[in-house]
PDB file of N, CA and C in Angstrom:
ATOM      1  N   MET A   1     145.439 246.723  78.579  1.00  0.00           N
ATOM      2  CA  MET A   1     144.668 246.575  79.347  1.00  0.00           C
ATOM      3  C   MET A   1     145.475 247.581  80.354  1.00  0.00           C
ATOM      4  N   THR A   2     143.983 248.586  80.835  1.00  0.00           N
ATOM      5  CA  THR A   2     144.050 249.129  81.754  1.00  0.00           C
ATOM      6  C   THR A   2     143.218 249.241  82.760  1.00  0.00           C
ATOM      7  N   GLN A   3     143.867 249.323  83.819  1.00  0.00           N
ATOM      8  CA  GLN A   3     142.606 249.633  85.230  1.00  0.00           C
ATOM      9  C   GLN A   3     142.991 250.752  86.391  1.00  0.00           C
ATOM     10  N   ALA A   4     142.262 251.311  86.677  1.00  0.00           N
ATOM     11  CA  ALA A   4     142.144 252.720  87.474  1.00  0.00           C
ATOM     12  C   ALA A   4     141.075 252.539  88.157  1.00  0.00           C
ATOM     13  N   SER A   5     141.422 252.019  89.283  1.00  0.00           N
ATOM     14  CA  SER A   5     140.387 252.026  90.573  1.00  0.00           C
ATOM     15  C   SER A   5     139.274 250.639  90.049  1.00  0.00           C
ATOM     16  N   SER A   6     138.137 251.055  89.918  1.00  0.00           N
ATOM     17  CA  SER A   6     136.741 250.282  89.966  1.00  0.00           C
ATOM     18  C   SER A   6     136.753 250.078  88.146  1.00  0.00           C
ATOM     19  N   ILE A   7     137.566 250.893  87.107  1.00  0.00           N
ATOM     20  CA  ILE A   7     137.295 250.694  85.951  1.00  0.00           C
ATOM     21  C   ILE A   7     138.612 250.135  85.237  1.00  0.00           C
ATOM     22  N   ILE A   8     138.008 248.869  83.997  1.00  0.00           N
ATOM     23  CA  ILE A   8     138.832 248.323  83.712  1.00  0.00           C
ATOM     24  C   ILE A   8     138.766 248.545  82.189  1.00  0.00           C
ATOM     25  N   MET A   9     139.558 248.453  81.455  1.00  0.00           N
ATOM     26  CA  MET A   9     139.339 249.096  79.740  1.00  0.00           C
ATOM     27  C   MET A   9     140.512 247.921  79.124  1.00  0.00           C
ATOM     28  N   LYS A  10     139.711 247.892  77.936  1.00  0.00           N
ATOM     29  CA  LYS A  10     140.810 247.500  76.853  1.00  0.00           C
ATOM     30  C   LYS A  10     140.163 248.250  75.828  1.00  0.00           C
ATOM     31  N   SER A  11     141.111 248.763  74.751  1.00  0.00           N
ATOM     32  CA  SER A  11     141.039 249.772  74.135  1.00  0.00           C
ATOM     33  C   SER A  11     141.470 249.197  72.667  1.00  0.00           C
ATOM     34  N   PHE A  12     140.608 249.330  71.450  1.00  0.00           N
ATOM     35  CA  PHE A  12     140.874 249.065  70.233  1.00  0.00           C
ATOM     36  C   PHE A  12     142.266 249.964  69.596  1.00  0.00           C
ATOM     37  N   PRO A  13     143.538 249.255  68.501  1.00  0.00           N
ATOM     38  CA  PRO A  13     144.249 249.924  68.435  1.00  0.00           C
ATOM     39  C   PRO A  13     143.896 251.237  67.647  1.00  0.00           C
ATOM     40  N   SER A  14     145.158 252.156  68.213  1.00  0.00           N
ATOM     41  CA  SER A  14     144.372 253.691  66.839  1.00  0.00           C
ATOM     42  C   SER A  14     145.677 254.423  67.364  1.00  0.00           C
ATOM     43  N   ASN A  15     145.979 255.663  66.130  1.00  0.00           N
ATOM     44  CA  ASN A  15     147.238 256.598  66.919  1.00  0.00           C
ATOM     45  C   ASN A  15     146.596 257.558  67.134  1.00  0.00           C
ATOM     46  N   MET A  16     146.871 257.798  67.974  1.00  0.00           N
ATOM     47  CA  MET A  16     146.655 259.291  68.596  1.00  0.00           C
ATOM     48  C   MET A  16     147.012 260.185  68.226  1.00  0.00           C
ATOM     49  N   GLU A  17     147.923 260.274  66.949  1.00  0.00           N
ATOM     50  CA  GLU A  17     148.417 261.375  66.364  1.00  0.00           C
ATOM     51  C   GLU A  17     147.316 261.660  64.875  1.00  0.00           C
ATOM     52  N   LYS A  18     146.472 261.125  64.721  1.00  0.00           N
ATOM     53  CA  LYS A  18     145.829 261.099  63.316  1.00  0.00           C
ATOM     54  C   LYS A  18     143.842 260.883  64.126  1.00  0.00           C
ATOM     55  N   TYR A  19     143.459 261.552  62.622  1.00  0.00           N
ATOM     56  CA  TYR A  19     142.234 261.511  63.156  1.00  0.00           C
ATOM     57  C   TYR A  19     141.486 260.494  62.918  1.00  0.00           C
ATOM     58  N   GLY A  20     140.287 260.204  63.135  1.00  0.00           N
ATOM     59  CA  GLY A  20     139.818 257.973  62.960  1.00  0.00           C
ATOM     60  C   GLY A  20     138.724 258.267  64.145  1.00  0.00           C
ATOM     61  N   ALA A  21     137.899 257.232  64.104  1.00  0.00           N
ATOM     62  CA  ALA A  21     137.228 256.680  65.109  1.00  0.00           C
ATOM     63  C   ALA A  21     138.034 255.311  65.939  1.00  0.00           C
ATOM     64  N   THR A  22     137.971 255.522  66.894  1.00  0.00           N
ATOM     65  CA  THR A  22     138.521 254.526  67.680  1.00  0.00           C
ATOM     66  C   THR A  22     137.530 253.922  68.669  1.00  0.00           C
ATOM     67  N   GLY A  23     138.265 252.968  69.610  1.00  0.00           N
ATOM     68  CA  GLY A  23     136.929 253.076  71.001  1.00  0.00           C
ATOM     69  C   GLY A  23     137.570 252.062  71.802  1.00  0.00           C
ATOM     70  N   ALA A  24     136.710 251.599  73.074  1.00  0.00           N
ATOM     71  CA  ALA A  24     137.454 250.401  73.615  1.00  0.00           C
ATOM     72  C   ALA A  24     136.027 249.904  74.476  1.00  0.00           C
ATOM     73  N   LEU A  25     136.332 248.702  75.276  1.00  0.00           N
ATOM     74  CA  LEU A  25     135.454 248.094  76.017  1.00  0.00           C
ATOM     75  C   LEU A  25     135.761 248.332  77.583  1.00  0.00           C
ATOM     76  N   VAL A  26     134.877 248.330  78.339  1.00  0.00           N
ATOM     77  CA  VAL A  26     135.000 249.396  79.378  1.00  0.00           C
ATOM     78  C   VAL A  26     134.544 248.396  80.277  1.00  0.00           C
ATOM     79  N   GLN A  27     134.866 247.869  82.032  1.00  0.00           N
ATOM     80  CA  GLN A  27     133.487 247.310  82.708  1.00  0.00           C
ATOM     81  C   GLN A  27     133.958 248.475  83.884  1.00  0.00           C
ATOM     82  N   MET A  28     132.544 248.946  84.014  1.00  0.00           N
ATOM     83  CA  MET A  28     132.687 249.941  85.217  1.00  0.00           C
ATOM     84  C   MET A  28     131.555 249.949  86.462  1.00  0.00           C
ATOM     85  N   GLU A  29     132.127 250.171  87.475  1.00  0.00           N
ATOM     86  CA  GLU A  29     130.825 249.840  88.563  1.00  0.00           C
ATOM     87  C   GLU A  29     130.020 250.663  88.690  1.00  0.00           C
ATOM     88  N   GLY A  30     128.562 249.831  88.744  1.00  0.00           N
ATOM     89  CA  GLY A  30     127.502 250.861  88.421  1.00  0.00           C
ATOM     90  C   GLY A  30     126.739 250.822  87.244  1.00  0.00           C
ATOM     91  N   PHE A  31     127.417 250.243  86.093  1.00  0.00           N
ATOM     92  CA  PHE A  31     127.180 250.323  85.037  1.00  0.00           C
ATOM     93  C   PHE A  31     126.728 248.657  84.171  1.00  0.00           C
ATOM     94  N   PRO A  32     125.738 248.179  84.490  1.00  0.00           N
ATOM     95  CA  PRO A  32     125.942 246.604  83.882  1.00  0.00           C
ATOM     96  C   PRO A  32     125.837 246.977  82.549  1.00  0.00           C
ATOM     97  N   VAL A  33     125.985 245.443  81.770  1.00  0.00           N
ATOM     98  CA  VAL A  33     126.144 245.391  80.470  1.00  0.00           C
ATOM     99  C   VAL A  33     125.029 245.683  80.064  1.00  0.00           C
ATOM    100  N   GLY A  34     124.710 246.087  78.561  1.00  0.00           N
ATOM    101  CA  GLY A  34     123.240 246.263  78.193  1.00  0.00           C
ATOM    102  C   GLY A  34     122.408 247.351  78.372  1.00  0.00           C
ATOM    103  N   GLN A  35     122.841 248.267  79.577  1.00  0.00           N
ATOM    104  CA  GLN A  35     122.156 249.334  80.459  1.00  0.00           C
ATOM    105  C   GLN A  35     122.892 250.727  80.465  1.00  0.00           C
ATOM    106  N   ASN A  36     122.667 251.768  79.358  1.00  0.00           N
ATOM    107  CA  ASN A  36     123.379 252.741  79.047  1.00  0.00           C
ATOM    108  C   ASN A  36     124.948 252.456  79.113  1.00  0.00           C
ATOM    109  N   SER A  37     125.325 251.667  78.459  1.00  0.00           N
ATOM    110  CA  SER A  37     126.472 250.810  78.492  1.00  0.00           C
ATOM    111  C   SER A  37     126.906 251.485  77.256  1.00  0.00           C
ATOM    112  N   VAL A  38     126.896 252.645  76.273  1.00  0.00           N
ATOM    113  CA  VAL A  38     127.630 253.452  74.983  1.00  0.00           C
ATOM    114  C   VAL A  38     127.840 254.562  75.934  1.00  0.00           C
ATOM    115  N   VAL A  39     129.066 254.866  76.263  1.00  0.00           N
ATOM    116  CA  VAL A  39     129.384 256.303  76.434  1.00  0.00           C
ATOM    117  C   VAL A  39     130.380 256.632  75.262  1.00  0.00           C
ATOM    118  N   ILE A  40     129.810 258.296  74.621  1.00  0.00           N
ATOM    119  CA  ILE A  40     130.672 259.149  73.938  1.00  0.00           C
ATOM    120  C   ILE A  40     131.462 259.868  74.704  1.00  0.00           C
ATOM    121  N   HIS A  41     132.854 259.623  74.235  1.00  0.00           N
ATOM    122  CA  HIS A  41     133.721 260.747  74.465  1.00  0.00           C
ATOM    123  C   HIS A  41     134.200 261.462  73.513  1.00  0.00           C
ATOM    124  N   PHE A  42     134.507 262.520  73.744  1.00  0.00           N
ATOM    125  CA  PHE A  42     134.846 264.000  73.095  1.00  0.00           C
ATOM    126  C   PHE A  42     136.473 264.428  73.286  1.00  0.00           C
ATOM    127  N   SER A  43     136.968 264.565  72.406  1.00  0.00           N
ATOM    128  CA  SER A  43     138.162 265.072  72.363  1.00  0.00           C
ATOM    129  C   SER A  43     138.897 266.171  72.350  1.00  0.00           C
ATOM    130  N   CYS A  44     139.219 266.401  72.950  1.00  0.00           N
ATOM    131  CA  CYS A  44     139.513 268.544  73.648  1.00  0.00           C
ATOM    132  C   CYS A  44     141.045 268.339  74.296  1.00  0.00           C
ATOM    133  N   GLU A  45     141.791 269.317  73.982  1.00  0.00           N
ATOM    134  CA  GLU A  45     143.016 269.930  75.100  1.00  0.00           C
ATOM    135  C   GLU A  45     143.462 269.422  76.311  1.00  0.00           C
ATOM    136  N   ASP A  46     142.586 269.675  77.179  1.00  0.00           N
ATOM    137  CA  ASP A  46     142.445 269.376  78.378  1.00  0.00           C
ATOM    138  C   ASP A  46     140.860 268.892  78.923  1.00  0.00           C
ATOM    139  N   CYS A  47     140.943 268.089  79.340  1.00  0.00           N
ATOM    140  CA  CYS A  47     139.565 267.522  79.878  1.00  0.00           C
ATOM    141  C   CYS A  47     139.343 268.031  81.353  1.00  0.00           C
ATOM    142  N   SER A  48     140.202 268.618  81.777  1.00  0.00           N
ATOM    143  CA  SER A  48     139.946 269.374  83.287  1.00  0.00           C
ATOM    144  C   SER A  48     139.275 270.574  82.684  1.00  0.00           C
ATOM    145  N   VAL A  49     139.839 271.437  81.951  1.00  0.00           N
ATOM    146  CA  VAL A  49     138.865 272.319  81.447  1.00  0.00           C
ATOM    147  C   VAL A  49     137.697 272.826  80.948  1.00  0.00           C
ATOM    148  N   GLU A  50     137.314 271.403  80.641  1.00  0.00           N
ATOM    149  CA  GLU A  50     136.015 271.483  79.964  1.00  0.00           C
ATOM    150  C   GLU A  50     135.031 270.598  80.644  1.00  0.00           C
ATOM    151  N   GLU A  51     135.752 270.161  81.487  1.00  0.00           N
ATOM    152  CA  GLU A  51     134.977 269.490  83.053  1.00  0.00           C
ATOM    153  C   GLU A  51     134.535 270.612  83.855  1.00  0.00           C
ATOM    154  N   SER A  52     135.338 271.607  83.687  1.00  0.00           N
ATOM    155  CA  SER A  52     134.647 272.956  84.715  1.00  0.00           C
ATOM    156  C   SER A  52     133.732 273.796  84.208  1.00  0.00           C
ATOM    157  N   ARG A  53     133.534 273.504  83.199  1.00  0.00           N
ATOM    158  CA  ARG A  53     132.157 273.968  82.846  1.00  0.00           C
ATOM    159  C   ARG A  53     131.054 273.354  82.825  1.00  0.00           C
ATOM    160  N   ILE A  54     130.914 272.170  82.871  1.00  0.00           N
ATOM    161  CA  ILE A  54     129.856 271.273  83.286  1.00  0.00           C
ATOM    162  C   ILE A  54     128.678 271.453  84.021  1.00  0.00           C
ATOM    163  N   GLU A  55     129.058 272.015  85.229  1.00  0.00           N
ATOM    164  CA  GLU A  55     128.027 272.400  86.324  1.00  0.00           C
ATOM    165  C   GLU A  55     127.112 273.291  85.907  1.00  0.00           C
ATOM    166  N   SER A  56     128.244 274.255  85.440  1.00  0.00           N
ATOM    167  CA  SER A  56     127.265 275.630  85.538  1.00  0.00           C
ATOM    168  C   SER A  56     126.813 275.470  83.933  1.00  0.00           C
ATOM    169  N   SER A  57     126.769 274.945  83.281  1.00  0.00           N
ATOM    170  CA  SER A  57     125.864 274.450  82.289  1.00  0.00           C
ATOM    171  C   SER A  57     124.639 273.637  82.482  1.00  0.00           C
ATOM    172  N   GLY A  58     124.410 273.105  83.770  1.00  0.00           N
ATOM    173  CA  GLY A  58     123.250 272.136  83.953  1.00  0.00           C
ATOM    174  C   GLY A  58     123.869 270.774  84.151  1.00  0.00           C
ATOM    175  N   GLY A  59     125.092 270.634  83.552  1.00  0.00           N
ATOM    176  CA  GLY A  59     125.283 268.762  83.974  1.00  0.00           C
ATOM    177  C   GLY A  59     125.890 268.567  85.404  1.00  0.00           C
ATOM    178  N   LYS A  60     126.243 267.610  85.580  1.00  0.00           N
ATOM    179  CA  LYS A  60     126.754 267.276  86.708  1.00  0.00           C
ATOM    180  C   LYS A  60     128.300 266.089  86.298  1.00  0.00           C
ATOM    181  N   VAL A  61     129.258 266.282  87.091  1.00  0.00           N
ATOM    182  CA  VAL A  61     130.658 265.637  87.075  1.00  0.00           C
ATOM    183  C   VAL A  61     130.268 264.313  87.588  1.00  0.00           C
ATOM    184  N   LYS A  62     130.520 262.893  86.802  1.00  0.00           N
ATOM    185  CA  LYS A  62     130.388 262.060  87.660  1.00  0.00           C
ATOM    186  C   LYS A  62     131.363 261.443  88.124  1.00  0.00           C
ATOM    187  N   LYS A  63     132.806 261.758  87.500  1.00  0.00           N
ATOM    188  CA  LYS A  63     133.937 261.292  88.078  1.00  0.00           C
ATOM    189  C   LYS A  63     134.855 262.182  87.769  1.00  0.00           C
ATOM    190  N   SER A  64     135.538 263.181  88.308  1.00  0.00           N
ATOM    191  CA  SER A  64     136.443 263.954  87.684  1.00  0.00           C
ATOM    192  C   SER A  64     137.753 263.484  86.786  1.00  0.00           C
ATOM    193  N   LYS A  65     138.549 264.154  86.092  1.00  0.00           N
ATOM    194  CA  LYS A  65     139.955 263.946  85.951  1.00  0.00           C
ATOM    195  C   LYS A  65     140.492 263.073  86.250  1.00  0.00           C
ATOM    196  N   PHE A  66     140.406 261.781  85.534  1.00  0.00           N
ATOM    197  CA  PHE A  66     141.670 260.493  85.751  1.00  0.00           C
ATOM    198  C   PHE A  66     142.287 260.206  84.736  1.00  0.00           C
ATOM    199  N   SER A  67     143.807 259.567  84.991  1.00  0.00           N
ATOM    200  CA  SER A  67     144.509 259.094  84.224  1.00  0.00           C
ATOM    201  C   SER A  67     143.808 257.584  83.289  1.00  0.00           C
ATOM    202  N   ILE A  68     144.301 257.442  82.229  1.00  0.00           N
ATOM    203  CA  ILE A  68     144.069 255.715  81.900  1.00  0.00           C
ATOM    204  C   ILE A  68     144.972 255.494  81.297  1.00  0.00           C
ATOM    205  N   GLY A  69     146.320 255.733  81.859  1.00  0.00           N
ATOM    206  CA  GLY A  69     147.560 255.076  81.312  1.00  0.00           C
ATOM    207  C   GLY A  69     148.243 256.163  80.310  1.00  0.00           C
ATOM    208  N   GLU A  70     149.071 255.000  79.242  1.00  0.00           N
ATOM    209  CA  GLU A  70     149.121 256.064  78.263  1.00  0.00           C
ATOM    210  C   GLU A  70     148.704 256.085  77.272  1.00  0.00           C
ATOM    211  N   TYR A  71     147.047 256.242  77.092  1.00  0.00           N
ATOM    212  CA  TYR A  71     146.072 256.870  76.705  1.00  0.00           C
ATOM    213  C   TYR A  71     145.462 257.963  76.915  1.00  0.00           C
ATOM    214  N   GLY A  72     146.405 258.917  77.966  1.00  0.00           N
ATOM    215  CA  GLY A  72     146.012 260.117  78.823  1.00  0.00           C
ATOM    216  C   GLY A  72     144.862 259.756  79.717  1.00  0.00           C
ATOM    217  N   PHE A  73     144.136 261.185  79.887  1.00  0.00           N
ATOM    218  CA  PHE A  73     142.827 261.266  81.112  1.00  0.00           C
ATOM    219  C   PHE A  73     141.421 261.586  80.328  1.00  0.00           C
ATOM    220  N   ILE A  74     140.755 261.077  80.986  1.00  0.00           N
ATOM    221  CA  ILE A  74     139.347 261.192  81.110  1.00  0.00           C
ATOM    222  C   ILE A  74     138.082 261.647  82.163  1.00  0.00           C
ATOM    223  N   SER A  75     137.691 262.463  81.788  1.00  0.00           N
ATOM    224  CA  SER A  75     136.241 262.893  82.995  1.00  0.00           C
ATOM    225  C   SER A  75     135.239 262.029  82.670  1.00  0.00           C
ATOM    226  N   LEU A  76     133.931 261.893  82.863  1.00  0.00           N
ATOM    227  CA  LEU A  76     133.151 261.033  83.121  1.00  0.00           C
ATOM    228  C   LEU A  76     131.802 262.001  83.641  1.00  0.00           C
ATOM    229  N   ALA A  77     130.756 262.798  83.030  1.00  0.00           N
ATOM    230  CA  ALA A  77     129.955 263.517  83.440  1.00  0.00           C
ATOM    231  C   ALA A  77     128.515 263.049  82.720  1.00  0.00           C
ATOM    232  N   ILE A  78     127.121 263.795  83.384  1.00  0.00           N
ATOM    233  CA  ILE A  78     126.043 263.763  82.862  1.00  0.00           C
ATOM    234  C   ILE A  78     125.254 264.754  82.237  1.00  0.00           C
ATOM    235  N   ASP A  79     124.619 264.495  81.332  1.00  0.00           N
ATOM    236  CA  ASP A  79     124.350 265.760  80.824  1.00  0.00           C
ATOM    237  C   ASP A  79     122.951 266.368  81.210  1.00  0.00           C
ATOM    238  N   THR A  80     122.221 267.230  80.807  1.00  0.00           N
ATOM    239  CA  THR A  80     120.880 267.560  81.425  1.00  0.00           C
ATOM    240  C   THR A  80     119.875 266.700  81.033  1.00  0.00           C
ATOM    241  N   GLU A  81     119.678 265.640  80.297  1.00  0.00           N
ATOM    242  CA  GLU A  81     119.094 264.441  80.221  1.00  0.00           C
ATOM    243  C   GLU A  81     119.400 263.487  80.529  1.00  0.00           C
ATOM    244  N   GLY A  82     120.162 263.519  81.659  1.00  0.00           N
ATOM    245  CA  GLY A  82     120.763 262.479  82.272  1.00  0.00           C
ATOM    246  C   GLY A  82     121.663 261.103  81.290  1.00  0.00           C
ATOM    247  N   ASN A  83     122.070 261.641  80.340  1.00  0.00           N
ATOM    248  CA  ASN A  83     123.020 260.912  79.386  1.00  0.00           C
ATOM    249  C   ASN A  83     124.748 261.113  79.837  1.00  0.00           C
ATOM    250  N   MET A  84     125.431 259.957  80.312  1.00  0.00           N
ATOM    251  CA  MET A  84     126.681 260.288  80.587  1.00  0.00           C
ATOM    252  C   MET A  84     127.574 260.276  79.245  1.00  0.00           C
ATOM    253  N   PHE A  85     128.691 261.045  79.349  1.00  0.00           N
ATOM    254  CA  PHE A  85     129.044 261.596  78.465  1.00  0.00           C
ATOM    255  C   PHE A  85     130.886 261.336  79.104  1.00  0.00           C
ATOM    256  N   GLY A  86     131.878 260.958  78.296  1.00  0.00           N
ATOM    257  CA  GLY A  86     133.266 261.739  78.345  1.00  0.00           C
ATOM    258  C   GLY A  86     133.994 262.299  77.855  1.00  0.00           C
ATOM    259  N   LEU A  87     134.856 263.497  78.122  1.00  0.00           N
ATOM    260  CA  LEU A  87     135.495 264.317  77.664  1.00  0.00           C
ATOM    261  C   LEU A  87     137.212 263.423  77.789  1.00  0.00           C
ATOM    262  N   HIS A  88     138.111 263.456  77.209  1.00  0.00           N
ATOM    263  CA  HIS A  88     139.551 262.430  77.022  1.00  0.00           C
ATOM    264  C   HIS A  88     140.727 263.563  76.239  1.00  0.00           C
ATOM    265  N   SER A  89     141.881 264.078  76.644  1.00  0.00           N
ATOM    266  CA  SER A  89     142.838 264.586  76.385  1.00  0.00           C
ATOM    267  C   SER A  89     144.140 263.717  76.656  1.00  0.00           C
ATOM    268  N   LEU A  90     144.866 264.516  75.730  1.00  0.00           N
ATOM    269  CA  LEU A  90     146.318 263.412  75.905  1.00  0.00           C
ATOM    270  C   LEU A  90     146.791 264.244  77.559  1.00  0.00           C
ATOM    271  N   LYS A  91     146.445 265.453  77.773  1.00  0.00           N
ATOM    272  CA  LYS A  91     147.390 266.012  78.715  1.00  0.00           C
ATOM    273  C   LYS A  91     146.494 265.986  80.087  1.00  0.00           C
TER     274      LYS A  91
END
């Protein structure tokens, strides 16, 4: 289990060196269960690079790049339609 500020995460077993679907259960302040509770994360080389393109494309950064421990880093953003999505990278 990983805990970063107001986020508690329990991830499913995965192999970060191989392709395939994985996931995590996340408890995060401001997101009650059952209301926009699914967040898709896109894999990238360095999420801070992709994060830097969000606002110029009409989106908003919800939470800048932060560590999720041994699983790398994520950024959270809101797209132009109001949907939250994540970016994930190992560095």
